[in-house]
Amino acid sequence: MSTRILDDLGPLATSALDDAEQQLGVRLPADYRAFMLQHNGGRPEPDRFDISWQASQAAAAAGKSSLLSWFFSIYEEREENLLVANRVDFRGRLPSGTVAIGRDPGGNLLLLRTTGSRVGEVLYWLREMEAEEGTTPTEDNVGFVADSFDDFLANRLH
């Protein structure tokens, strides 16, 4: 089944995406950049995806799948805003080397890995089990979703 993106704000200017990367202090993977330039957020259809947890993660009891409500956008409004989510709402709460790119109905996040040997991986961040305030966020509440953003859109949504 092909993924459709509904209610997007695209296309996004390259300069706006470059500016967002500068504000976030990251270089986004090429496949996600291409998505943002074409769509700039939106809702995927279908919207369900599976999550792989390590057996040792307490978060594994939370479930093996979720729904993606929205991909965040770069625009002037506060709601579903990529910059607000990462620079304000979840600043200091996400594991190092990740950027929040979307959310599920419960406020859990879809993350994109932006550093290290696994750049581009799509991950699921379980809000209910995040690190306590004042402690360094780990990946104890993070499950694996896809090897890349393109893999997520093409193969992981059902």
Protein backbone atom coordinates (compact mmCIF):
# COMPACT_ATOMS: atom_id res chain seq x y z
CA MET A 1 0.00 0.00 0.00
CA SER A 2 1.28 3.44 -0.88
CA THR A 3 1.50 6.10 1.82
CA ARG A 4 -0.41 9.31 1.16
CA ILE A 5 0.35 12.55 3.01
CA LEU A 6 -2.73 14.59 3.86
CA ASP A 7 -3.03 18.15 5.20
CA ASP A 8 0.60 19.02 4.50
CA LEU A 9 1.91 22.58 4.21
CA GLY A 10 4.39 21.96 1.39
CA PRO A 11 6.29 22.74 -0.57
CA LEU A 12 8.86 24.21 1.81
CA ALA A 13 11.64 26.52 0.59
CA THR A 14 15.16 25.11 0.85
CA SER A 15 16.24 28.27 2.69
CA ALA A 16 13.58 27.68 5.38
CA LEU A 17 14.78 24.10 5.87
CA ASP A 18 18.42 25.22 5.99
CA ASP A 19 17.50 27.83 8.59
CA ALA A 20 15.65 25.22 10.68
CA GLU A 21 18.69 22.93 10.59
CA GLN A 22 20.86 25.80 11.75
CA GLN A 23 18.47 26.60 14.62
CA LEU A 24 18.38 22.94 15.65
CA GLY A 25 22.13 22.51 15.22
CA VAL A 26 21.73 19.40 13.05
CA ARG A 27 22.01 18.20 9.49
CA LEU A 28 18.86 16.26 8.64
CA PRO A 29 19.13 13.08 6.54
CA ALA A 30 18.58 13.57 2.79
CA ASP A 31 15.39 11.49 2.61
CA TYR A 32 13.73 13.48 5.40
CA ARG A 33 14.90 16.76 3.82
CA ALA A 34 13.27 15.69 0.54
CA PHE A 35 10.02 14.90 2.39
CA MET A 36 10.01 18.28 4.12
CA LEU A 37 10.74 20.15 0.89
CA GLN A 38 7.83 18.41 -0.81
CA HIS A 39 5.30 18.12 2.04
CA ASN A 40 6.41 20.13 5.10
CA GLY A 41 4.57 17.91 7.58
CA GLY A 42 1.09 16.45 7.36
CA ARG A 43 -0.77 13.27 8.27
CA PRO A 44 0.16 9.89 6.79
CA GLU A 45 -2.42 7.45 5.48
CA PRO A 46 -2.13 4.67 6.52
CA ASP A 47 -0.93 5.77 9.94
CA ARG A 48 -0.15 2.63 12.03
CA PHE A 49 3.42 1.43 12.57
CA ASP A 50 5.13 -1.27 14.59
CA ILE A 51 7.74 -0.71 17.30
CA SER A 52 10.61 -3.06 18.18
CA TRP A 53 11.73 -2.98 21.80
CA GLN A 54 14.67 -4.73 23.42
CA ALA A 55 13.60 -7.42 25.89
CA SER A 56 15.31 -5.53 28.71
CA GLN A 57 13.32 -2.32 28.15
CA ALA A 58 10.47 -1.70 30.59
CA ALA A 59 8.84 0.33 27.81
CA ALA A 60 8.28 -2.89 25.86
CA ALA A 61 5.15 -3.47 27.94
CA ALA A 62 3.66 -0.27 26.49
CA GLY A 63 2.82 -1.90 23.18
CA LYS A 64 4.18 -3.07 19.88
CA SER A 65 2.49 -0.48 17.65
CA SER A 66 1.23 3.08 17.53
CA LEU A 67 -0.41 5.59 15.21
CA LEU A 68 1.24 8.67 13.74
CA SER A 69 -1.07 11.65 14.13
CA TRP A 70 1.18 14.31 12.58
CA PHE A 71 4.55 14.96 11.05
CA PHE A 72 5.74 18.30 12.41
CA SER A 73 5.97 21.29 10.04
CA ILE A 74 8.15 24.37 9.76
CA TYR A 75 5.84 27.38 9.86
CA GLU A 76 4.77 30.34 12.01
CA GLU A 77 2.15 28.62 14.17
CA ARG A 78 2.95 26.84 17.44
CA GLU A 79 0.97 23.61 16.96
CA GLU A 80 2.77 20.67 15.31
CA ASN A 81 5.81 22.91 14.77
CA LEU A 82 9.17 21.15 14.30
CA LEU A 83 11.18 23.99 15.83
CA VAL A 84 8.87 24.55 18.81
CA ALA A 85 8.75 20.82 19.56
CA ASN A 86 12.54 20.50 19.59
CA ARG A 87 13.66 23.90 20.92
CA VAL A 88 10.89 24.49 23.49
CA ASP A 89 8.50 21.63 24.31
CA PHE A 90 11.01 18.76 24.43
CA ARG A 91 14.29 20.63 24.85
CA GLY A 92 16.63 18.59 27.05
CA ARG A 93 14.13 15.71 27.22
CA LEU A 94 15.14 13.70 24.15
CA PRO A 95 18.18 11.43 23.73
CA SER A 96 21.25 13.13 22.30
CA GLY A 97 21.50 12.99 18.53
CA THR A 98 17.76 12.78 17.89
CA VAL A 99 15.13 15.21 16.59
CA ALA A 100 11.38 14.91 17.12
CA ILE A 101 9.62 14.79 13.73
CA GLY A 102 6.06 13.77 14.66
CA ARG A 103 3.71 12.57 17.37
CA ASP A 104 1.08 9.98 18.12
CA PRO A 105 -2.35 10.65 19.72
CA GLY A 106 -0.89 10.20 23.23
CA GLY A 107 1.90 12.75 22.79
CA ASN A 108 4.62 10.15 22.28
CA LEU A 109 7.10 11.11 19.60
CA LEU A 110 8.56 9.85 16.38
CA LEU A 111 12.29 10.65 16.42
CA LEU A 112 14.92 10.80 13.73
CA ARG A 113 18.53 9.95 14.57
CA THR A 114 20.83 12.73 13.31
CA THR A 115 24.28 11.60 14.52
CA GLY A 116 26.40 8.49 14.88
CA SER A 117 26.69 5.34 12.84
CA ARG A 118 22.91 4.88 12.62
CA VAL A 119 22.02 8.32 11.21
CA GLY A 120 18.56 8.33 9.67
CA GLU A 121 16.93 5.71 11.89
CA VAL A 122 13.33 6.38 12.84
CA LEU A 123 12.60 5.78 16.53
CA TYR A 124 9.63 5.89 18.90
CA TRP A 125 9.92 7.86 22.16
CA LEU A 126 7.53 6.84 24.93
CA ARG A 127 6.65 9.98 26.88
CA GLU A 128 5.29 8.17 29.95
CA MET A 129 8.70 6.63 30.64
CA GLU A 130 10.99 9.57 29.89
CA ALA A 131 13.99 10.32 32.09
CA GLU A 132 13.27 12.19 35.30
CA GLU A 133 13.64 15.95 35.19
CA GLY A 134 17.25 16.97 35.78
CA THR A 135 18.71 13.68 34.55
CA THR A 136 20.33 13.00 31.19
CA PRO A 137 17.86 11.41 28.75
CA THR A 138 18.75 7.87 27.69
CA GLU A 139 17.21 5.51 25.15
CA ASP A 140 15.51 3.37 27.79
CA ASN A 141 12.13 4.64 26.56
CA VAL A 142 13.04 4.52 22.84
CA GLY A 143 12.00 1.75 20.45
CA PHE A 144 13.15 1.07 16.90
CA VAL A 145 10.77 1.75 14.00
CA ALA A 146 12.70 1.92 10.70
CA ASP A 147 16.22 2.06 9.22
CA SER A 148 15.46 5.32 7.40
CA PHE A 149 12.70 7.83 6.79
CA ASP A 150 12.12 6.45 3.28
CA ASP A 151 11.89 2.93 4.76
CA PHE A 152 9.32 4.24 7.26
CA LEU A 153 7.11 5.78 4.56
CA ALA A 154 7.46 2.95 2.05
CA ASN A 155 7.43 -0.14 4.26
CA ARG A 156 6.47 0.49 7.86
CA LEU A 157 3.07 2.18 7.74
CA HIS A 158 0.01 -0.06 7.56
